[in-house]
Protein backbone atom coordinates (compact mmCIF):
# COMPACT_ATOMS: atom_id res chain seq x y z
CA MET A 1 119.69 130.25 67.46
CA ASN A 2 118.60 131.48 65.10
CA LEU A 3 114.61 132.29 65.08
CA ARG A 4 114.41 131.96 61.52
CA ASN A 5 114.72 128.64 61.96
CA TRP A 6 112.03 128.35 64.94
CA SER A 7 109.54 125.27 63.95
CA TRP A 8 106.54 123.45 65.79
CA ASP A 9 108.71 120.66 67.18
CA HIS A 10 111.08 123.61 68.78
CA THR A 11 107.31 124.01 70.26
CA LYS A 12 106.65 121.95 71.62
CA GLY A 13 109.69 120.16 73.07
CA LEU A 14 109.20 124.14 75.02
CA ILE A 15 106.00 123.30 76.27
CA LEU A 16 107.13 119.60 76.87
CA GLY A 17 109.59 120.63 77.94
CA PHE A 18 107.67 123.65 80.35
CA ILE A 19 105.25 121.53 81.62
CA THR A 20 106.59 118.16 82.70
CA PRO A 21 108.78 119.61 86.34
CA LEU A 22 104.77 121.08 87.20
CA CYS A 23 103.80 117.72 86.63
CA VAL A 24 106.30 115.82 88.68
CA VAL A 25 106.98 117.99 91.46
CA PRO A 26 104.38 116.57 93.50
CA LEU A 27 105.68 113.28 93.28
CA VAL A 28 110.09 114.39 94.31
CA VAL A 29 107.60 115.75 97.26
CA TYR A 30 106.09 112.99 97.55
CA ILE A 31 109.30 110.60 97.18
CA THR A 32 110.97 112.54 99.38
CA ALA A 33 107.93 113.21 102.26
CA LEU A 34 108.02 108.34 101.85
CA SER A 35 112.26 109.23 103.00
CA GLN A 36 111.69 111.14 105.51
CA ASN A 37 108.89 109.43 106.98
CA TYR A 38 107.42 112.96 107.27
CA LEU A 39 103.51 113.17 106.05
CA PHE A 40 103.12 114.83 102.01
CA GLU A 41 100.81 117.41 103.79
CA GLN A 42 103.57 118.50 105.57
CA LEU A 43 105.90 118.68 103.47
CA TRP A 44 103.17 120.07 100.74
CA ARG A 45 102.95 122.95 103.83
CA LYS A 46 107.19 123.99 103.19
CA PHE A 47 106.68 124.00 99.47
CA THR A 48 104.26 125.94 99.51
CA PHE A 49 105.78 128.70 101.98
CA ASN A 50 109.61 128.12 102.27
CA ASP A 51 111.49 129.21 99.27
CA SER A 52 114.67 127.43 99.45
CA PHE A 53 113.00 123.85 100.17
CA GLN A 54 110.94 124.85 96.72
CA ILE A 55 113.84 125.50 94.83
CA LYS A 56 115.27 122.42 96.39
CA MET A 57 112.01 120.15 94.83
CA ILE A 58 111.84 122.09 91.84
CA THR A 59 115.46 121.78 90.26
CA LEU A 60 114.92 118.57 91.39
CA SER A 61 111.48 118.51 89.04
CA ILE A 62 113.35 119.78 86.30
CA ILE A 63 115.41 116.51 86.38
CA ALA A 64 113.22 114.64 84.27
CA ASN A 65 113.54 116.97 81.61
CA LEU A 66 116.99 114.07 81.31
CA ALA A 67 114.13 111.44 79.31
CA TRP A 68 112.40 112.55 77.49
CA PHE A 69 115.89 115.04 76.07
CA TYR A 70 117.71 111.31 76.02
CA LEU A 71 114.68 110.57 74.73
CA PHE A 72 114.89 112.53 71.79
CA LEU A 73 118.74 112.77 71.45
CA ASN A 74 118.35 109.22 71.04
CA LYS A 75 115.26 108.90 67.43
CA GLU A 76 117.25 112.82 66.83
CA ARG A 77 114.87 114.88 66.59
CA PHE A 78 117.55 117.81 67.50
CA ASN A 79 115.34 119.99 67.45
CA PHE A 80 112.32 119.23 69.74
CA ALA A 81 115.57 118.06 72.65
CA MET A 82 116.54 121.82 71.97
CA GLY A 83 112.76 122.84 73.57
CA VAL A 84 113.69 120.45 76.07
CA ILE A 85 116.39 122.57 77.29
CA LEU A 86 114.78 124.92 76.06
CA GLY A 87 111.85 124.80 78.57
CA SER A 88 114.00 123.81 81.17
CA MET A 89 115.51 127.05 81.16
CA ILE A 90 112.23 128.77 82.12
CA TYR A 91 113.02 127.97 85.77
CA ALA A 92 116.51 129.99 85.97
CA PRO A 93 115.62 133.37 86.43
CA TYR A 94 112.68 131.63 89.23
CA ILE A 95 115.34 129.62 90.64
CA ILE A 96 118.04 132.86 90.66
CA TYR A 97 114.89 135.37 91.64
CA ILE A 98 113.98 133.18 94.71
CA LYS A 99 117.44 132.17 95.63
CA PHE A 100 118.20 135.57 95.62
CA PHE A 101 115.71 138.30 96.95
């Protein structure tokens, strides 16, 4: 992608793609706690201190961006959709760092 074609819609999609997983992580941990008969506090502590569990929960929360991506594709707002994908890719270096270091 050429930066000369970068628009405000790309930026809004990027911010939306970055913020959505942060908001969805507690919901994913809560649903996991309900399905596995744990207390939310136990799994939240595990999420905070256990790197492998943290990777799983963040990866599951990034899936929520698919809803935004699909919505913007159907409305033919391709710049927003591209921003959402780029916002999702921001998490990749963090996940790779936690996984291998």
